[in-house]
Protein backbone atom coordinates (compact mmCIF):
# COMPACT_ATOMS: atom_id res chain seq x y z
CA MET A 1 0.00 0.00 0.00
CA MET A 2 1.41 3.40 -0.98
CA ARG A 3 1.21 6.26 1.47
CA GLY A 4 2.79 9.65 1.88
CA ARG A 5 2.93 13.02 0.26
CA GLY A 6 5.33 15.12 -1.69
CA ARG A 7 8.36 13.52 -3.20
CA TRP A 8 8.47 10.63 -0.73
CA ARG A 9 6.41 7.49 -1.16
CA ARG A 10 6.16 5.08 1.74
CA ARG A 11 5.78 1.33 1.68
CA CYS A 12 5.23 -0.97 4.62
CA TRP A 13 8.42 -3.03 5.02
CA GLY A 14 6.59 -6.22 5.97
CA ASN A 15 4.71 -6.32 2.67
CA TYR A 16 7.73 -5.59 0.48
CA GLN A 17 10.72 -7.03 2.36
CA ASN A 18 11.27 -10.03 0.09
CA GLN A 19 10.65 -8.00 -3.05
CA PHE A 20 13.15 -5.37 -1.93
CA LEU A 21 15.82 -7.88 -0.96
CA VAL A 22 15.78 -9.56 -4.38
CA ALA A 23 15.17 -6.33 -6.28
CA PHE A 24 18.74 -5.25 -6.61
CA THR A 25 20.84 -8.00 -8.08
CA GLY A 26 24.10 -6.99 -9.74
CA ILE A 27 22.52 -6.70 -13.18
CA ARG A 28 19.79 -4.38 -11.89
CA TRP A 29 22.34 -2.05 -10.31
CA ALA A 30 24.18 -2.06 -13.63
CA ILE A 31 20.96 -1.18 -15.50
CA LEU A 32 20.28 1.74 -13.15
CA ARG A 33 23.85 3.02 -13.56
CA ALA A 34 23.57 2.67 -17.35
CA ILE A 35 20.40 4.77 -17.45
CA GLY A 36 21.84 7.30 -14.99
CA ASN A 37 20.25 10.74 -14.74
CA GLY A 38 19.06 10.85 -18.32
CA GLN A 39 17.13 8.63 -20.67
CA LYS A 40 18.42 5.60 -22.53
CA SER A 41 17.00 3.22 -25.09
CA THR A 42 16.96 -0.50 -24.51
CA SER A 43 19.76 -0.92 -27.10
CA GLU A 44 21.92 1.73 -25.42
CA ILE A 45 21.49 0.00 -22.05
CA TYR A 46 22.28 -3.37 -23.62
CA SER A 47 25.45 -2.03 -25.27
CA GLU A 48 26.71 -0.60 -21.97
CA LEU A 49 26.00 -3.85 -20.11
CA VAL A 50 27.79 -5.96 -22.74
CA ALA A 51 30.78 -3.59 -22.65
CA SER A 52 31.05 -3.75 -18.86
CA HIS A 53 29.85 -7.30 -18.06
CA GLY A 54 30.39 -9.32 -21.21
CA ASP A 55 27.90 -10.95 -23.54
CA MET A 56 24.41 -11.65 -22.22
CA PRO A 57 21.08 -12.58 -23.78
CA ARG A 58 18.77 -9.68 -24.56
CA SER A 59 15.93 -11.62 -22.94
CA LEU A 60 17.74 -11.27 -19.59
CA LEU A 61 17.82 -7.49 -20.01
CA TYR A 62 14.14 -7.40 -20.98
CA TYR A 63 13.24 -9.44 -17.89
CA HIS A 64 15.13 -7.15 -15.50
CA LEU A 65 13.82 -3.97 -17.15
CA GLY A 66 10.29 -5.32 -16.70
CA GLU A 67 10.87 -6.14 -13.04
CA LEU A 68 12.36 -2.71 -12.31
CA GLU A 69 9.38 -1.14 -14.08
CA LYS A 70 6.91 -3.20 -11.97
CA MET A 71 8.63 -1.93 -8.81
CA GLY A 72 8.28 1.67 -9.99
CA ILE A 73 12.05 2.21 -10.10
CA ILE A 74 12.15 2.93 -13.85
CA GLU A 75 9.55 3.91 -16.43
CA VAL A 76 9.10 4.10 -20.19
CA VAL A 77 9.17 7.73 -21.32
CA GLY A 78 8.89 7.18 -25.04
CA TYR A 79 9.56 5.01 -28.06
CA ARG A 80 12.09 5.20 -30.88
CA GLU A 81 11.79 3.66 -34.32
CA THR A 82 14.65 1.26 -34.96
CA GLY A 83 14.50 1.49 -38.75
CA LYS A 84 14.53 -2.30 -38.95
CA GLY A 85 10.79 -2.64 -39.54
CA GLY A 86 10.14 -4.12 -36.12
CA ALA A 87 8.50 -2.81 -32.99
CA PRO A 88 9.66 0.59 -31.72
CA GLU A 89 12.33 0.55 -29.03
CA LYS A 90 11.51 1.72 -25.50
CA ILE A 91 13.22 4.72 -23.93
CA TRP A 92 13.73 4.40 -20.15
CA ARG A 93 14.41 6.72 -17.23
CA VAL A 94 14.96 6.19 -13.51
CA THR A 95 12.02 7.43 -11.41
CA VAL A 96 13.43 6.95 -7.91
CA ARG A 97 16.49 8.90 -6.77
CA ARG A 98 16.87 7.45 -3.31
CA ILE A 99 15.47 4.61 -1.22
CA VAL A 100 15.61 4.83 2.57
CA ILE A 101 14.67 1.98 4.88
CA ASP A 102 13.48 2.91 8.36
CA ILE A 103 14.40 -0.23 10.28
CA LEU A 104 12.39 0.66 13.40
CA SER A 105 9.13 1.58 11.71
CA GLY A 106 9.46 -0.93 8.90
CA GLN A 107 8.86 1.58 6.13
CA ILE A 108 10.60 2.01 2.81
CA LEU A 109 10.76 5.63 1.64
CA MET A 110 11.26 6.21 -2.08
CA GLU A 111 12.37 9.70 -3.11
CA ARG A 112 11.22 10.73 -6.55
């Protein structure tokens, strides 16, 4: 359940503890760093990950982008035509700048 006002969103720790603990595997941190403060296409993110971590299947990237999007950490801000006749490519941006866990109250605070 989301609560709070302003730029902070609160989540009850008990409901999201497991999700939070598995949310940030190494590849997800790398995706967030690749996107950075701006906006990046799926291909740009993939190229940066391959350059820094070696070859990986695109399906793995798509899976982790989808999971980060479900958590509200990233969002699609647009689409770009690839020129290859296929589906347009998604453009991503990070939506959460900081996550703070209040251990005593059990709340997760997400700064937008």
